[in-house]
């Protein structure tokens, strides 16, 4: 076996700072590069899921508000249309 390390996709200190910021109780070994990258991917995947859910909610809200505006024969989506849409969702 060669003594070469696998190339890291991000600087080790950057990964450590990100993990410590969000998981301050977590203790990491000095050679935890792979663990750090896995945690980072998991963390950003969680954020992405929340972001996607929020975007889907906004899209549904906009569609419902547009339907309310159309039913009220309005060419403009007004705050009342959005508020009534939010109550339905």
PDB file of N, CA and C in Angstrom:
ATOM      1  N   UNK A   1       0.839  -1.196   0.000  1.00  0.00           N
ATOM      2  CA  UNK A   1       0.000   0.000   0.000  1.00  0.00           C
ATOM      3  C   UNK A   1       0.871   1.242   0.000  1.00  0.00           C
ATOM      4  N   UNK A   2       0.449   2.231  -0.720  1.00  0.00           N
ATOM      5  CA  UNK A   2       1.217   3.473  -0.759  1.00  0.00           C
ATOM      6  C   UNK A   2       0.766   4.373   0.376  1.00  0.00           C
ATOM      7  N   UNK A   3       1.620   5.304   0.752  1.00  0.00           N
ATOM      8  CA  UNK A   3       1.315   6.199   1.857  1.00  0.00           C
ATOM      9  C   UNK A   3       0.561   7.443   1.423  1.00  0.00           C
ATOM     10  N   UNK A   4      -0.014   7.409   0.236  1.00  0.00           N
ATOM     11  CA  UNK A   4      -0.711   8.593  -0.276  1.00  0.00           C
ATOM     12  C   UNK A   4      -2.120   8.665   0.292  1.00  0.00           C
ATOM     13  N   UNK A   5      -2.531   9.876   0.596  1.00  0.00           N
ATOM     14  CA  UNK A   5      -3.889  10.092   1.101  1.00  0.00           C
ATOM     15  C   UNK A   5      -4.831  10.363  -0.054  1.00  0.00           C
ATOM     16  N   UNK A   6      -6.112  10.062   0.173  1.00  0.00           N
ATOM     17  CA  UNK A   6      -7.120  10.404  -0.805  1.00  0.00           C
ATOM     18  C   UNK A   6      -7.285  11.925  -0.811  1.00  0.00           C
ATOM     19  N   UNK A   7      -7.393  12.512  -1.996  1.00  0.00           N
ATOM     20  CA  UNK A   7      -7.507  13.962  -2.089  1.00  0.00           C
ATOM     21  C   UNK A   7      -8.870  14.410  -1.556  1.00  0.00           C
ATOM     22  N   UNK A   8      -8.847  15.380  -0.679  1.00  0.00           N
ATOM     23  CA  UNK A   8     -10.064  15.916  -0.083  1.00  0.00           C
ATOM     24  C   UNK A   8     -10.723  16.891  -1.055  1.00  0.00           C
ATOM     25  N   UNK A   9     -12.045  16.939  -1.069  1.00  0.00           N
ATOM     26  CA  UNK A   9     -12.746  17.841  -1.975  1.00  0.00           C
ATOM     27  C   UNK A   9     -12.850  19.249  -1.416  1.00  0.00           C
ATOM     28  N   UNK A  10     -12.622  19.403  -0.142  1.00  0.00           N
ATOM     29  CA  UNK A  10     -12.652  20.725   0.494  1.00  0.00           C
ATOM     30  C   UNK A  10     -11.563  20.760   1.553  1.00  0.00           C
ATOM     31  N   UNK A  11     -11.036  21.952   1.849  1.00  0.00           N
ATOM     32  CA  UNK A  11      -9.998  22.027   2.889  1.00  0.00           C
ATOM     33  C   UNK A  11     -10.503  21.489   4.224  1.00  0.00           C
ATOM     34  N   UNK A  12      -9.654  20.730   4.889  1.00  0.00           N
ATOM     35  CA  UNK A  12     -10.021  20.093   6.150  1.00  0.00           C
ATOM     36  C   UNK A  12     -10.492  21.107   7.189  1.00  0.00           C
ATOM     37  N   UNK A  13      -9.777  22.247   7.300  1.00  0.00           N
ATOM     38  CA  UNK A  13     -10.154  23.226   8.319  1.00  0.00           C
ATOM     39  C   UNK A  13     -11.537  23.826   8.029  1.00  0.00           C
ATOM     40  N   UNK A  14     -11.862  23.996   6.745  1.00  0.00           N
ATOM     41  CA  UNK A  14     -13.186  24.521   6.384  1.00  0.00           C
ATOM     42  C   UNK A  14     -14.274  23.535   6.790  1.00  0.00           C
ATOM     43  N   UNK A  15     -14.052  22.270   6.495  1.00  0.00           N
ATOM     44  CA  UNK A  15     -15.024  21.244   6.872  1.00  0.00           C
ATOM     45  C   UNK A  15     -15.208  21.200   8.383  1.00  0.00           C
ATOM     46  N   UNK A  16     -14.094  21.257   9.109  1.00  0.00           N
ATOM     47  CA  UNK A  16     -14.173  21.228  10.574  1.00  0.00           C
ATOM     48  C   UNK A  16     -14.954  22.419  11.123  1.00  0.00           C
ATOM     49  N   UNK A  17     -14.711  23.613  10.564  1.00  0.00           N
ATOM     50  CA  UNK A  17     -15.421  24.813  11.031  1.00  0.00           C
ATOM     51  C   UNK A  17     -16.919  24.690  10.803  1.00  0.00           C
ATOM     52  N   UNK A  18     -17.295  24.181   9.635  1.00  0.00           N
ATOM     53  CA  UNK A  18     -18.718  24.036   9.327  1.00  0.00           C
ATOM     54  C   UNK A  18     -19.376  23.041  10.267  1.00  0.00           C
ATOM     55  N   UNK A  19     -18.723  21.899  10.464  1.00  0.00           N
ATOM     56  CA  UNK A  19     -19.293  20.879  11.354  1.00  0.00           C
ATOM     57  C   UNK A  19     -19.368  21.398  12.786  1.00  0.00           C
ATOM     58  N   UNK A  20     -18.302  22.032  13.263  1.00  0.00           N
ATOM     59  CA  UNK A  20     -18.290  22.547  14.641  1.00  0.00           C
ATOM     60  C   UNK A  20     -19.342  23.624  14.861  1.00  0.00           C
ATOM     61  N   UNK A  21     -19.615  24.420  13.821  1.00  0.00           N
ATOM     62  CA  UNK A  21     -20.621  25.470  13.952  1.00  0.00           C
ATOM     63  C   UNK A  21     -22.009  24.869  14.177  1.00  0.00           C
ATOM     64  N   UNK A  22     -22.308  23.783  13.471  1.00  0.00           N
ATOM     65  CA  UNK A  22     -23.645  23.202  13.536  1.00  0.00           C
ATOM     66  C   UNK A  22     -23.754  22.028  14.498  1.00  0.00           C
ATOM     67  N   UNK A  23     -22.635  21.426  14.834  1.00  0.00           N
ATOM     68  CA  UNK A  23     -22.610  20.307  15.782  1.00  0.00           C
ATOM     69  C   UNK A  23     -21.463  20.525  16.765  1.00  0.00           C
ATOM     70  N   UNK A  24     -21.569  21.531  17.652  1.00  0.00           N
ATOM     71  CA  UNK A  24     -20.444  21.861  18.524  1.00  0.00           C
ATOM     72  C   UNK A  24     -20.071  20.742  19.502  1.00  0.00           C
ATOM     73  N   UNK A  25     -20.995  19.866  19.817  1.00  0.00           N
ATOM     74  CA  UNK A  25     -20.721  18.785  20.768  1.00  0.00           C
ATOM     75  C   UNK A  25     -19.959  17.622  20.129  1.00  0.00           C
ATOM     76  N   UNK A  26     -19.861  17.613  18.808  1.00  0.00           N
ATOM     77  CA  UNK A  26     -19.230  16.513  18.089  1.00  0.00           C
ATOM     78  C   UNK A  26     -17.715  16.607  18.185  1.00  0.00           C
ATOM     79  N   UNK A  27     -17.056  15.503  18.594  1.00  0.00           N
ATOM     80  CA  UNK A  27     -15.593  15.456  18.665  1.00  0.00           C
ATOM     81  C   UNK A  27     -15.097  14.659  17.473  1.00  0.00           C
ATOM     82  N   UNK A  28     -14.145  15.225  16.749  1.00  0.00           N
ATOM     83  CA  UNK A  28     -13.661  14.596  15.531  1.00  0.00           C
ATOM     84  C   UNK A  28     -12.195  14.220  15.658  1.00  0.00           C
ATOM     85  N   UNK A  29     -11.851  13.036  15.162  1.00  0.00           N
ATOM     86  CA  UNK A  29     -10.454  12.608  15.139  1.00  0.00           C
ATOM     87  C   UNK A  29      -9.702  13.427  14.100  1.00  0.00           C
ATOM     88  N   UNK A  30      -8.389  13.468  14.228  1.00  0.00           N
ATOM     89  CA  UNK A  30      -7.562  14.257  13.319  1.00  0.00           C
ATOM     90  C   UNK A  30      -7.649  13.755  11.883  1.00  0.00           C
ATOM     91  N   UNK A  31      -7.884  12.462  11.690  1.00  0.00           N
ATOM     92  CA  UNK A  31      -7.921  11.895  10.345  1.00  0.00           C
ATOM     93  C   UNK A  31      -9.348  11.596   9.884  1.00  0.00           C
ATOM     94  N   UNK A  32     -10.288  12.406  10.258  1.00  0.00           N
ATOM     95  CA  UNK A  32     -11.703  12.157   9.977  1.00  0.00           C
ATOM     96  C   UNK A  32     -12.164  12.829   8.694  1.00  0.00           C
ATOM     97  N   UNK A  33     -11.301  12.876   7.673  1.00  0.00           N
ATOM     98  CA  UNK A  33     -11.647  13.552   6.414  1.00  0.00           C
ATOM     99  C   UNK A  33     -12.911  12.985   5.772  1.00  0.00           C
ATOM    100  N   UNK A  34     -12.978  11.674   5.643  1.00  0.00           N
ATOM    101  CA  UNK A  34     -14.123  11.055   4.988  1.00  0.00           C
ATOM    102  C   UNK A  34     -15.398  11.287   5.802  1.00  0.00           C
ATOM    103  N   UNK A  35     -15.288  11.164   7.116  1.00  0.00           N
ATOM    104  CA  UNK A  35     -16.428  11.418   7.991  1.00  0.00           C
ATOM    105  C   UNK A  35     -16.905  12.863   7.837  1.00  0.00           C
ATOM    106  N   UNK A  36     -15.958  13.786   7.790  1.00  0.00           N
ATOM    107  CA  UNK A  36     -16.317  15.199   7.630  1.00  0.00           C
ATOM    108  C   UNK A  36     -17.067  15.427   6.325  1.00  0.00           C
ATOM    109  N   UNK A  37     -16.580  14.849   5.252  1.00  0.00           N
ATOM    110  CA  UNK A  37     -17.238  15.042   3.965  1.00  0.00           C
ATOM    111  C   UNK A  37     -18.628  14.422   3.961  1.00  0.00           C
ATOM    112  N   UNK A  38     -18.792  13.266   4.583  1.00  0.00           N
ATOM    113  CA  UNK A  38     -20.114  12.632   4.651  1.00  0.00           C
ATOM    114  C   UNK A  38     -21.085  13.488   5.461  1.00  0.00           C
ATOM    115  N   UNK A  39     -20.617  14.006   6.597  1.00  0.00           N
ATOM    116  CA  UNK A  39     -21.475  14.860   7.409  1.00  0.00           C
ATOM    117  C   UNK A  39     -21.856  16.132   6.667  1.00  0.00           C
ATOM    118  N   UNK A  40     -20.900  16.688   5.942  1.00  0.00           N
ATOM    119  CA  UNK A  40     -21.164  17.904   5.179  1.00  0.00           C
ATOM    120  C   UNK A  40     -22.214  17.653   4.099  1.00  0.00           C
ATOM    121  N   UNK A  41     -22.072  16.544   3.379  1.00  0.00           N
ATOM    122  CA  UNK A  41     -23.054  16.198   2.347  1.00  0.00           C
ATOM    123  C   UNK A  41     -24.423  15.995   2.987  1.00  0.00           C
ATOM    124  N   UNK A  42     -24.476  15.276   4.110  1.00  0.00           N
ATOM    125  CA  UNK A  42     -25.746  15.046   4.800  1.00  0.00           C
ATOM    126  C   UNK A  42     -26.374  16.363   5.240  1.00  0.00           C
ATOM    127  N   UNK A  43     -25.546  17.270   5.801  1.00  0.00           N
ATOM    128  CA  UNK A  43     -26.039  18.554   6.280  1.00  0.00           C
ATOM    129  C   UNK A  43     -26.630  19.375   5.139  1.00  0.00           C
ATOM    130  N   UNK A  44     -25.893  19.482   4.029  1.00  0.00           N
ATOM    131  CA  UNK A  44     -26.386  20.276   2.914  1.00  0.00           C
ATOM    132  C   UNK A  44     -27.581  19.617   2.238  1.00  0.00           C
ATOM    133  N   UNK A  45     -27.643  18.279   2.236  1.00  0.00           N
ATOM    134  CA  UNK A  45     -28.799  17.588   1.694  1.00  0.00           C
ATOM    135  C   UNK A  45     -30.040  17.916   2.516  1.00  0.00           C
ATOM    136  N   UNK A  46     -29.884  17.996   3.848  1.00  0.00           N
ATOM    137  CA  UNK A  46     -31.011  18.350   4.717  1.00  0.00           C
ATOM    138  C   UNK A  46     -31.505  19.765   4.410  1.00  0.00           C
ATOM    139  N   UNK A  47     -30.565  20.691   4.232  1.00  0.00           N
ATOM    140  CA  UNK A  47     -30.944  22.067   3.893  1.00  0.00           C
ATOM    141  C   UNK A  47     -31.645  22.101   2.547  1.00  0.00           C
ATOM    142  N   UNK A  48     -31.130  21.330   1.590  1.00  0.00           N
ATOM    143  CA  UNK A  48     -31.718  21.305   0.256  1.00  0.00           C
ATOM    144  C   UNK A  48     -33.145  20.792   0.306  1.00  0.00           C
ATOM    145  N   UNK A  49     -33.412  19.762   1.132  1.00  0.00           N
ATOM    146  CA  UNK A  49     -34.769  19.230   1.253  1.00  0.00           C
ATOM    147  C   UNK A  49     -35.712  20.284   1.818  1.00  0.00           C
ATOM    148  N   UNK A  50     -35.270  21.030   2.824  1.00  0.00           N
ATOM    149  CA  UNK A  50     -36.107  22.078   3.408  1.00  0.00           C
ATOM    150  C   UNK A  50     -36.353  23.172   2.379  1.00  0.00           C
ATOM    151  N   UNK A  51     -35.309  23.562   1.666  1.00  0.00           N
ATOM    152  CA  UNK A  51     -35.426  24.600   0.644  1.00  0.00           C
ATOM    153  C   UNK A  51     -36.402  24.165  -0.445  1.00  0.00           C
ATOM    154  N   UNK A  52     -36.297  22.923  -0.889  1.00  0.00           N
ATOM    155  CA  UNK A  52     -37.190  22.412  -1.919  1.00  0.00           C
ATOM    156  C   UNK A  52     -38.627  22.376  -1.419  1.00  0.00           C
ATOM    157  N   UNK A  53     -38.849  21.949  -0.196  1.00  0.00           N
ATOM    158  CA  UNK A  53     -40.201  21.920   0.366  1.00  0.00           C
ATOM    159  C   UNK A  53     -40.788  23.320   0.425  1.00  0.00           C
ATOM    160  N   UNK A  54     -39.971  24.286   0.799  1.00  0.00           N
ATOM    161  CA  UNK A  54     -40.433  25.672   0.866  1.00  0.00           C
ATOM    162  C   UNK A  54     -40.800  26.182  -0.523  1.00  0.00           C
ATOM    163  N   UNK A  55     -39.977  25.882  -1.524  1.00  0.00           N
ATOM    164  CA  UNK A  55     -40.270  26.306  -2.889  1.00  0.00           C
ATOM    165  C   UNK A  55     -41.555  25.667  -3.409  1.00  0.00           C
ATOM    166  N   UNK A  56     -41.759  24.395  -3.087  1.00  0.00           N
ATOM    167  CA  UNK A  56     -42.999  23.726  -3.501  1.00  0.00           C
ATOM    168  C   UNK A  56     -44.207  24.349  -2.826  1.00  0.00           C
ATOM    169  N   UNK A  57     -44.062  24.706  -1.543  1.00  0.00           N
ATOM    170  CA  UNK A  57     -45.147  25.373  -0.837  1.00  0.00           C
ATOM    171  C   UNK A  57     -45.464  26.717  -1.485  1.00  0.00           C
ATOM    172  N   UNK A  58     -44.429  27.507  -1.793  1.00  0.00           N
ATOM    173  CA  UNK A  58     -44.640  28.809  -2.433  1.00  0.00           C
ATOM    174  C   UNK A  58     -45.319  28.652  -3.786  1.00  0.00           C
ATOM    175  N   UNK A  59     -44.929  27.627  -4.522  1.00  0.00           N
ATOM    176  CA  UNK A  59     -45.545  27.380  -5.828  1.00  0.00           C
ATOM    177  C   UNK A  59     -47.030  27.052  -5.668  1.00  0.00           C
ATOM    178  N   UNK A  60     -47.346  26.185  -4.706  1.00  0.00           N
ATOM    179  CA  UNK A  60     -48.765  25.854  -4.449  1.00  0.00           C
ATOM    180  C   UNK A  60     -49.550  27.083  -4.016  1.00  0.00           C
ATOM    181  N   UNK A  61     -48.934  27.892  -3.154  1.00  0.00           N
ATOM    182  CA  UNK A  61     -49.590  29.112  -2.680  1.00  0.00           C
ATOM    183  C   UNK A  61     -49.856  30.062  -3.844  1.00  0.00           C
ATOM    184  N   UNK A  62     -48.887  30.224  -4.717  1.00  0.00           N
ATOM    185  CA  UNK A  62     -49.053  31.112  -5.875  1.00  0.00           C
ATOM    186  C   UNK A  62     -50.141  30.602  -6.815  1.00  0.00           C
ATOM    187  N   UNK A  63     -50.167  29.297  -7.050  1.00  0.00           N
ATOM    188  CA  UNK A  63     -51.200  28.720  -7.926  1.00  0.00           C
ATOM    189  C   UNK A  63     -52.600  28.916  -7.332  1.00  0.00           C
ATOM    190  N   UNK A  64     -52.707  28.678  -6.041  1.00  0.00           N
ATOM    191  CA  UNK A  64     -54.010  28.844  -5.376  1.00  0.00           C
ATOM    192  C   UNK A  64     -54.438  30.310  -5.375  1.00  0.00           C
ATOM    193  N   UNK A  65     -53.496  31.216  -5.128  1.00  0.00           N
ATOM    194  CA  UNK A  65     -53.811  32.650  -5.157  1.00  0.00           C
ATOM    195  C   UNK A  65     -54.226  33.084  -6.552  1.00  0.00           C
ATOM    196  N   UNK A  66     -53.569  32.537  -7.567  1.00  0.00           N
ATOM    197  CA  UNK A  66     -53.934  32.858  -8.956  1.00  0.00           C
ATOM    198  C   UNK A  66     -55.344  32.363  -9.268  1.00  0.00           C
ATOM    199  N   UNK A  67     -55.673  31.166  -8.790  1.00  0.00           N
ATOM    200  CA  UNK A  67     -57.026  30.629  -8.980  1.00  0.00           C
ATOM    201  C   UNK A  67     -58.055  31.525  -8.293  1.00  0.00           C
ATOM    202  N   UNK A  68     -57.754  31.967  -7.073  1.00  0.00           N
ATOM    203  CA  UNK A  68     -58.666  32.864  -6.351  1.00  0.00           C
ATOM    204  C   UNK A  68     -58.856  34.172  -7.116  1.00  0.00           C
ATOM    205  N   UNK A  69     -57.790  34.721  -7.637  1.00  0.00           N
ATOM    206  CA  UNK A  69     -57.889  35.963  -8.410  1.00  0.00           C
ATOM    207  C   UNK A  69     -58.751  35.752  -9.653  1.00  0.00           C
ATOM    208  N   UNK A  70     -58.549  34.638 -10.333  1.00  0.00           N
ATOM    209  CA  UNK A  70     -59.336  34.333 -11.531  1.00  0.00           C
ATOM    210  C   UNK A  70     -60.806  34.188 -11.194  1.00  0.00           C
ATOM    211  N   UNK A  71     -61.113  33.503 -10.089  1.00  0.00           N
ATOM    212  CA  UNK A  71     -62.511  33.320  -9.677  1.00  0.00           C
ATOM    213  C   UNK A  71     -63.169  34.645  -9.320  1.00  0.00           C
ATOM    214  N   UNK A  72     -62.379  35.601  -8.826  1.00  0.00           N
ATOM    215  CA  UNK A  72     -62.904  36.929  -8.493  1.00  0.00           C
ATOM    216  C   UNK A  72     -62.815  37.896  -9.670  1.00  0.00           C
ATOM    217  N   UNK A  73     -62.525  37.350 -10.845  1.00  0.00           N
ATOM    218  CA  UNK A  73     -62.424  38.138 -12.076  1.00  0.00           C
ATOM    219  C   UNK A  73     -61.405  39.274 -11.954  1.00  0.00           C
ATOM    220  N   UNK A  74     -60.320  38.993 -11.290  1.00  0.00           N
ATOM    221  CA  UNK A  74     -59.258  39.969 -11.104  1.00  0.00           C
ATOM    222  C   UNK A  74     -58.046  39.554 -11.932  1.00  0.00           C
ATOM    223  N   UNK A  75     -57.459  40.518 -12.629  1.00  0.00           N
ATOM    224  CA  UNK A  75     -56.261  40.228 -13.424  1.00  0.00           C
ATOM    225  C   UNK A  75     -54.992  40.316 -12.575  1.00  0.00           C
ATOM    226  N   UNK A  76     -55.134  40.837 -11.365  1.00  0.00           N
ATOM    227  CA  UNK A  76     -54.002  41.020 -10.464  1.00  0.00           C
ATOM    228  C   UNK A  76     -54.220  40.166  -9.219  1.00  0.00           C
ATOM    229  N   UNK A  77     -53.166  39.465  -8.791  1.00  0.00           N
ATOM    230  CA  UNK A  77     -53.244  38.700  -7.543  1.00  0.00           C
ATOM    231  C   UNK A  77     -53.037  39.687  -6.400  1.00  0.00           C
ATOM    232  N   UNK A  78     -54.069  39.824  -5.576  1.00  0.00           N
ATOM    233  CA  UNK A  78     -54.040  40.784  -4.469  1.00  0.00           C
ATOM    234  C   UNK A  78     -53.731  40.051  -3.162  1.00  0.00           C
ATOM    235  N   UNK A  79     -53.343  40.802  -2.133  1.00  0.00           N
ATOM    236  CA  UNK A  79     -53.045  40.158  -0.839  1.00  0.00           C
ATOM    237  C   UNK A  79     -54.190  39.291  -0.318  1.00  0.00           C
ATOM    238  N   UNK A  80     -55.427  39.712  -0.533  1.00  0.00           N
ATOM    239  CA  UNK A  80     -56.570  38.915  -0.064  1.00  0.00           C
ATOM    240  C   UNK A  80     -56.612  37.549  -0.732  1.00  0.00           C
ATOM    241  N   UNK A  81     -56.240  37.492  -2.016  1.00  0.00           N
ATOM    242  CA  UNK A  81     -56.224  36.215  -2.714  1.00  0.00           C
ATOM    243  C   UNK A  81     -55.175  35.284  -2.105  1.00  0.00           C
ATOM    244  N   UNK A  82     -54.036  35.837  -1.752  1.00  0.00           N
ATOM    245  CA  UNK A  82     -52.962  35.030  -1.165  1.00  0.00           C
ATOM    246  C   UNK A  82     -53.326  34.578   0.247  1.00  0.00           C
ATOM    247  N   UNK A  83     -53.937  35.466   1.019  1.00  0.00           N
ATOM    248  CA  UNK A  83     -54.332  35.119   2.395  1.00  0.00           C
ATOM    249  C   UNK A  83     -55.368  34.011   2.387  1.00  0.00           C
ATOM    250  N   UNK A  84     -56.354  34.107   1.505  1.00  0.00           N
ATOM    251  CA  UNK A  84     -57.374  33.047   1.451  1.00  0.00           C
ATOM    252  C   UNK A  84     -56.755  31.749   0.936  1.00  0.00           C
ATOM    253  N   UNK A  85     -55.768  31.835   0.046  1.00  0.00           N
ATOM    254  CA  UNK A  85     -55.082  30.642  -0.421  1.00  0.00           C
ATOM    255  C   UNK A  85     -54.308  29.979   0.717  1.00  0.00           C
ATOM    256  N   UNK A  86     -53.672  30.779   1.550  1.00  0.00           N
ATOM    257  CA  UNK A  86     -52.897  30.254   2.675  1.00  0.00           C
ATOM    258  C   UNK A  86     -53.812  29.537   3.674  1.00  0.00           C
ATOM    259  N   UNK A  87     -55.022  30.010   3.827  1.00  0.00           N
ATOM    260  CA  UNK A  87     -55.953  29.366   4.751  1.00  0.00           C
ATOM    261  C   UNK A  87     -56.371  27.992   4.255  1.00  0.00           C
ATOM    262  N   UNK A  88     -56.425  27.828   2.940  1.00  0.00           N
ATOM    263  CA  UNK A  88     -56.806  26.533   2.355  1.00  0.00           C
ATOM    264  C   UNK A  88     -55.662  25.528   2.468  1.00  0.00           C
ATOM    265  N   UNK A  89     -54.424  26.016   2.286  1.00  0.00           N
ATOM    266  CA  UNK A  89     -53.270  25.116   2.346  1.00  0.00           C
ATOM    267  C   UNK A  89     -52.982  24.773   3.778  1.00  0.00           C
TER     268      UNK A  89
END
